[in-house]
Protein backbone atom coordinates (compact mmCIF):
# COMPACT_ATOMS: atom_id res chain seq x y z
CA UNK A 1 8.54 -12.04 3.62
CA UNK A 2 6.66 -15.10 2.39
CA UNK A 3 3.74 -13.07 1.53
CA UNK A 4 5.81 -10.55 -0.33
CA UNK A 5 7.52 -13.54 -2.19
CA UNK A 6 4.17 -15.28 -3.04
CA UNK A 7 3.11 -12.23 -5.00
CA UNK A 8 6.49 -11.80 -6.87
CA UNK A 9 5.18 -12.95 -10.18
CA UNK A 10 2.18 -10.62 -10.13
CA UNK A 11 4.33 -7.53 -9.56
CA UNK A 12 4.98 -7.27 -13.33
CA UNK A 13 3.07 -7.94 -16.29
CA UNK A 14 4.07 -10.02 -19.39
CA UNK A 15 6.09 -6.78 -20.86
CA UNK A 16 7.65 -6.12 -17.57
CA UNK A 17 5.44 -3.15 -16.55
CA UNK A 18 4.76 -2.52 -12.81
CA UNK A 19 1.48 -3.87 -11.40
CA UNK A 20 0.28 -2.22 -7.88
CA UNK A 21 -0.97 -4.66 -5.42
CA UNK A 22 -4.48 -3.65 -5.99
CA UNK A 23 -4.45 -4.36 -9.60
CA UNK A 24 -2.47 -7.86 -9.31
CA UNK A 25 -4.26 -10.90 -10.25
CA UNK A 26 -4.42 -13.01 -7.26
CA UNK A 27 -4.52 -16.31 -9.45
CA UNK A 28 -0.79 -15.43 -10.08
CA UNK A 29 0.07 -15.37 -6.42
CA UNK A 30 2.00 -18.39 -5.06
CA UNK A 31 -0.80 -20.35 -2.83
CA UNK A 32 1.60 -22.58 -1.51
CA UNK A 33 3.95 -19.67 -0.05
CA UNK A 34 0.80 -17.95 1.09
CA UNK A 35 -0.28 -21.13 2.91
CA UNK A 36 3.02 -21.26 4.74
CA UNK A 37 2.81 -17.60 5.67
CA UNK A 38 -0.58 -18.18 6.86
CA UNK A 39 0.54 -21.14 9.18
CA UNK A 40 3.23 -18.99 10.41
CA UNK A 41 1.19 -16.12 11.30
CA UNK A 42 -1.30 -18.41 13.01
CA UNK A 43 1.59 -19.89 15.22
CA UNK A 44 2.94 -16.30 15.94
CA UNK A 45 -0.57 -15.29 16.99
CA UNK A 46 -0.44 -17.92 19.83
CA UNK A 47 2.70 -15.99 21.27
CA UNK A 48 2.14 -14.29 24.53
CA UNK A 49 2.95 -10.85 22.97
CA UNK A 50 2.28 -9.14 19.53
CA UNK A 51 5.14 -7.64 17.80
CA UNK A 52 5.49 -5.33 14.89
CA UNK A 53 6.41 -8.11 12.27
CA UNK A 54 3.36 -10.17 13.41
CA UNK A 55 1.20 -7.31 12.57
CA UNK A 56 2.96 -6.38 9.34
CA UNK A 57 2.45 -9.82 8.31
CA UNK A 58 -1.35 -9.52 9.52
CA UNK A 59 -1.69 -6.69 7.06
CA UNK A 60 -0.47 -8.94 4.51
CA UNK A 61 -2.71 -11.70 5.23
CA UNK A 62 -5.65 -9.28 5.23
CA UNK A 63 -4.52 -8.34 1.62
CA UNK A 64 -4.30 -11.97 0.45
CA UNK A 65 -7.90 -12.69 1.63
CA UNK A 66 -8.57 -11.36 -1.81
CA UNK A 67 -7.65 -14.52 -3.32
CA UNK A 68 -10.84 -16.09 -1.78
CA UNK A 69 -13.30 -13.18 -1.35
CA UNK A 70 -12.30 -10.87 -4.31
CA UNK A 71 -11.55 -7.98 -1.74
CA UNK A 72 -8.86 -7.01 0.66
CA UNK A 73 -10.17 -6.69 4.28
CA UNK A 74 -9.51 -3.07 4.36
CA UNK A 75 -11.28 -2.60 7.84
CA UNK A 76 -8.84 -4.88 9.20
CA UNK A 77 -6.17 -3.42 7.66
CA UNK A 78 -6.89 0.02 8.94
CA UNK A 79 -7.30 -1.49 12.37
CA UNK A 80 -3.85 -3.15 12.17
CA UNK A 81 -2.05 -0.01 10.98
CA UNK A 82 -3.67 1.97 13.75
CA UNK A 83 -1.79 -0.44 16.26
CA UNK A 84 1.32 -0.38 14.16
CA UNK A 85 1.38 3.41 14.03
CA UNK A 86 0.90 3.69 17.94
CA UNK A 87 3.63 0.95 18.35
CA UNK A 88 6.21 2.54 16.04
CA UNK A 89 5.29 6.18 15.08
CA UNK A 90 6.60 5.31 11.74
CA UNK A 91 5.69 7.69 8.73
CA UNK A 92 5.68 4.86 6.33
CA UNK A 93 2.88 3.23 8.45
CA UNK A 94 1.15 6.50 8.70
CA UNK A 95 1.01 6.62 4.94
CA UNK A 96 -0.24 3.21 4.61
CA UNK A 97 -2.77 3.76 7.22
CA UNK A 98 -3.96 6.79 5.23
CA UNK A 99 -4.42 4.84 2.25
CA UNK A 100 -6.39 2.09 4.06
CA UNK A 101 -8.49 4.93 5.43
CA UNK A 102 -9.26 6.01 1.84
CA UNK A 103 -10.54 2.49 1.39
CA UNK A 104 -12.90 2.30 4.25
CA UNK A 105 -13.95 5.98 4.76
CA UNK A 106 -13.31 7.52 1.28
CA UNK A 107 -10.52 9.47 -0.41
CA UNK A 108 -11.16 12.75 1.47
CA UNK A 109 -10.84 11.13 4.81
CA UNK A 110 -7.67 9.16 3.76
CA UNK A 111 -6.16 12.53 2.26
CA UNK A 112 -6.87 14.32 5.28
CA UNK A 113 -4.91 11.61 7.29
CA UNK A 114 -2.22 11.82 4.84
CA UNK A 115 -2.03 15.48 4.78
CA UNK A 116 -1.41 15.47 8.52
CA UNK A 117 2.10 14.29 7.65
CA UNK A 118 2.69 16.81 5.25
CA UNK A 119 5.16 18.89 7.46
CA UNK A 120 7.26 15.73 8.29
CA UNK A 121 10.75 16.41 6.76
CA UNK A 122 11.53 12.61 6.40
CA UNK A 123 9.01 12.48 3.70
CA UNK A 124 10.04 15.37 1.37
CA UNK A 125 12.06 12.98 -0.77
CA UNK A 126 10.11 9.77 -0.17
CA UNK A 127 8.48 8.78 -3.44
CA UNK A 128 5.76 6.50 -1.88
CA UNK A 129 4.32 9.50 0.00
CA UNK A 130 4.14 11.74 -3.16
CA UNK A 131 2.67 8.77 -5.00
CA UNK A 132 -0.06 8.28 -2.38
CA UNK A 133 -0.69 11.80 -2.14
CA UNK A 134 -1.03 12.08 -6.01
CA UNK A 135 -3.47 9.12 -5.88
CA UNK A 136 -5.73 10.35 -3.36
CA UNK A 137 -5.66 14.06 -4.68
CA UNK A 138 -6.86 12.46 -7.96
CA UNK A 139 -9.53 10.53 -6.16
CA UNK A 140 -10.73 13.87 -4.63
CA UNK A 141 -10.93 15.64 -7.84
CA UNK A 142 -7.98 17.88 -7.26
CA UNK A 143 -6.47 17.49 -10.77
CA UNK A 144 -3.92 20.14 -10.49
CA UNK A 145 -2.56 19.31 -7.24
CA UNK A 146 -2.45 15.67 -8.11
CA UNK A 147 -0.57 16.45 -11.30
CA UNK A 148 2.15 18.27 -9.16
CA UNK A 149 2.35 15.46 -6.62
CA UNK A 150 2.73 12.93 -9.50
CA UNK A 151 5.37 15.05 -10.96
CA UNK A 152 7.27 15.01 -7.75
CA UNK A 153 6.88 11.22 -7.22
CA UNK A 154 7.79 10.59 -10.88
CA UNK A 155 11.20 12.55 -10.34
CA UNK A 156 11.86 10.61 -7.22
CA UNK A 157 11.34 7.09 -8.58
CA UNK A 158 14.39 5.24 -9.49
CA UNK A 159 12.45 2.26 -11.26
CA UNK A 160 11.82 2.93 -14.87
CA UNK A 161 8.86 0.44 -14.60
CA UNK A 162 7.25 2.20 -11.69
CA UNK A 163 8.12 5.63 -13.17
CA UNK A 164 6.14 4.61 -16.41
CA UNK A 165 3.30 3.48 -14.18
CA UNK A 166 2.96 6.91 -12.42
CA UNK A 167 3.47 8.78 -15.54
CA UNK A 168 0.39 6.92 -17.02
CA UNK A 169 -1.63 7.50 -14.04
CA UNK A 170 -0.51 11.32 -14.37
CA UNK A 171 -1.40 11.17 -17.97
CA UNK A 172 -4.96 9.85 -17.26
CA UNK A 173 -5.77 13.05 -15.27
CA UNK A 174 -5.80 15.12 -18.25
């Protein structure tokens, strides 16, 4: 929770528009909260068993590495999501894992991992699935399919700023 809170001010720009994690300015992240989160994660890693929340925090830690290195540690993120997926079977984890795979092995591999979830009825109305699908399809050059997936994601999104963000991404396809 501290990692998420640390990035709060970077999630929206000066006009209130949504800024995805990959586009956030790490200088806007709260360094003090991140340090507290890192300290807690270090203490938790000394526990005899690793749990789901430790792994979720480890994913966030691998993202905030970007403050120092300029790049998230996508290889670590993918490995952590592999473990989380085995532990939970969560389709949300599987979506995030597919996005990480796209960063480590390319968008086609990421899309393949995401497409494996396409028959999961829990995702039919889950906006992040459709947004991830649209983004990966766009990155693989599948413009028409990406357009359709963006249309679905936009229709499912309740936040006007996120909806505008998705609309801009969709318009960029044309």
